[in-house]
Amino acid sequence: MPLGPPQGDAKRNGRDFARKVQHDSVFVDVERRVGKTDWKQLITPDLEIL
């Protein structure tokens, strides 16, 4: 599943950046070179979790 379009501008807090997109939130620490995604669970009309 693609991440979807951005839901606003990226936010910066020192060396950390965060951005919400349609199906996810993305966090990046540019100094440590690590990132994290926080997927939203999507439930289809037939109650299947994607």
C-alpha atoms as a PDB file:
ATOM      1  CA  MET A   1       0.000   0.000   0.000  1.00  0.00           C
ATOM      2  CA  PRO A   2       1.426   3.421  -0.873  1.00  0.00           C
ATOM      3  CA  LEU A   3       1.848   6.012   1.863  1.00  0.00           C
ATOM      4  CA  GLY A   4      -0.597   8.404   0.240  1.00  0.00           C
ATOM      5  CA  PRO A   5      -0.341  12.163  -0.191  1.00  0.00           C
ATOM      6  CA  PRO A   6       1.154  14.440   2.490  1.00  0.00           C
ATOM      7  CA  GLN A   7      -1.308  15.812   5.045  1.00  0.00           C
ATOM      8  CA  GLY A   8       0.649  19.026   5.604  1.00  0.00           C
ATOM      9  CA  ASP A   9       4.196  20.270   5.874  1.00  0.00           C
ATOM     10  CA  ALA A  10       6.970  18.373   7.627  1.00  0.00           C
ATOM     11  CA  LYS A  11       7.649  19.472  11.221  1.00  0.00           C
ATOM     12  CA  ARG A  12      11.198  19.952  12.489  1.00  0.00           C
ATOM     13  CA  ASN A  13      12.384  19.664  16.075  1.00  0.00           C
ATOM     14  CA  GLY A  14      16.168  20.063  16.123  1.00  0.00           C
ATOM     15  CA  ARG A  15      17.579  17.109  14.189  1.00  0.00           C
ATOM     16  CA  ASP A  16      14.207  15.308  14.047  1.00  0.00           C
ATOM     17  CA  PHE A  17      11.640  15.610  11.281  1.00  0.00           C
ATOM     18  CA  ALA A  18       8.075  14.276  11.193  1.00  0.00           C
ATOM     19  CA  ARG A  19       5.428  14.275   8.504  1.00  0.00           C
ATOM     20  CA  LYS A  20       1.947  12.851   8.340  1.00  0.00           C
ATOM     21  CA  VAL A  21       0.760  11.287   5.117  1.00  0.00           C
ATOM     22  CA  GLN A  22      -2.588   9.689   4.309  1.00  0.00           C
ATOM     23  CA  HIS A  23      -1.801   6.175   5.605  1.00  0.00           C
ATOM     24  CA  ASP A  24       1.231   6.735   7.804  1.00  0.00           C
ATOM     25  CA  SER A  25       3.322   9.026   9.975  1.00  0.00           C
ATOM     26  CA  VAL A  26       7.028   9.237   9.168  1.00  0.00           C
ATOM     27  CA  PHE A  27       9.762  10.206  11.659  1.00  0.00           C
ATOM     28  CA  VAL A  28      13.442  10.770  10.768  1.00  0.00           C
ATOM     29  CA  ASP A  29      16.480  11.573  12.918  1.00  0.00           C
ATOM     30  CA  VAL A  30      18.974  12.892  10.364  1.00  0.00           C
ATOM     31  CA  GLU A  31      21.930  12.933  12.759  1.00  0.00           C
ATOM     32  CA  ARG A  32      21.552   9.287  13.797  1.00  0.00           C
ATOM     33  CA  ARG A  33      20.309   8.268  10.311  1.00  0.00           C
ATOM     34  CA  VAL A  34      17.292   6.398  11.619  1.00  0.00           C
ATOM     35  CA  GLY A  35      13.673   6.556  10.619  1.00  0.00           C
ATOM     36  CA  LYS A  36      10.361   5.111  11.713  1.00  0.00           C
ATOM     37  CA  THR A  37       6.961   4.731  10.144  1.00  0.00           C
ATOM     38  CA  ASP A  38       3.762   4.437  12.131  1.00  0.00           C
ATOM     39  CA  TRP A  39       1.211   2.762   9.845  1.00  0.00           C
ATOM     40  CA  LYS A  40      -2.483   3.362  10.353  1.00  0.00           C
ATOM     41  CA  GLN A  41      -4.592   0.215  10.297  1.00  0.00           C
ATOM     42  CA  LEU A  42      -7.215   0.409   7.615  1.00  0.00           C
ATOM     43  CA  ILE A  43     -10.386  -1.651   7.852  1.00  0.00           C
ATOM     44  CA  THR A  44     -12.237  -2.436   4.641  1.00  0.00           C
ATOM     45  CA  PRO A  45     -16.066  -2.541   4.497  1.00  0.00           C
ATOM     46  CA  ASP A  46     -15.980  -6.333   4.927  1.00  0.00           C
ATOM     47  CA  LEU A  47     -13.924  -5.817   8.158  1.00  0.00           C
ATOM     48  CA  GLU A  48     -10.659  -7.049   6.671  1.00  0.00           C
ATOM     49  CA  ILE A  49      -7.701  -5.302   8.295  1.00  0.00           C
ATOM     50  CA  LEU A  50      -5.139  -4.064   5.792  1.00  0.00           C
END
